[in-house]
Amino acid sequence: MMKLISWNVNGLRAALKSGFQEKAQAFCADVVCIQETRAGNGDIVVDLPGYLQYWNHAEKKGYSGTAVFSLREPLSVSYGMGMPEHDREGRIITLEFPGLFLVNVYTPNSQRGLTRLDYRMRWDSDFFAYLKTLEQTKPVVFCGDLNVAHKEIDLKNPKANVRNAGFTPEERSSFDRFVQSGFIDTFRVFNHEPGRYTWWSYRFNARARGIGWRIDYFCVSSSLKSLLRDAFILDQVIGSDHCPVGIVLDGN
């Protein structure tokens, strides 16, 4: 069995103060992927005994960033997707294991007023090509904050958010491409109910009122579907405006 967890911590320094280390250990996961670390190069220390640590920092201090904590030593580790336009913000870490590639990703937000939507579309296209290149070698699991609610079921107020970042037709169609190419949205294999979200605005008491979005995912190559044993949202875990998500795979 292999248990994988992903969590946008919305700033690791603050997350550590609210018990990130204890929560990460309590997951009892083989691998914990985090996004939006906002950590400078080596200026934050995380103490997780037994876990190997891999970090990808943004060039801009206090912005973006990803990290992976793994009980299993990977065969290889790479950072970014080999494209300078995209690799300055520390958004991707790829670990190769015997049976799969695990890609931890923090997808760029299109921003208020959709000022970064064009860039986001280029990112999605290039990230898709990157995943498909990996998939030629072995199956792929990718996880993280993808900054898109795919279907209307994935957010509380779809009609009011059609032209807002994360729910534009462009972003949703882009996610369609991933799914249509064979990548599986693992949570929807097990759960087709509304009201399950992974992100809530800090404004208007949104989390307590159940006004959220599902924008954090685990997606897997279709060849891994038979190994998928569970996919879940840990919405009772606090410490960020996002909550952790995870999957359990047989083998690997």
Foldseek 3Di string as FASTA:
>chain_A
DFKEKEEALQEQVLLVVVPVQVVVVVVVGQKYKYKQNLADDPPDDRDHPQWDKDWFAAPDHRGIIMMMTGNDQFPDKDWDLPDVVTRRHHAWIWGHHPAEIEIEGDQDWCDVVSVCVVVSLVVLVSVLVSQVVRVVPHKYKYWYQNFAQQDPLFFDDLVVCQPPIRRDPSSNVSVVVVVVVAKDQQQVVPDDHGLDAFAFDPPPCGLVVSGHGHRTTIIIGNVQPVFWDDKAWPSVDDNHRGGMIMTDGPDD
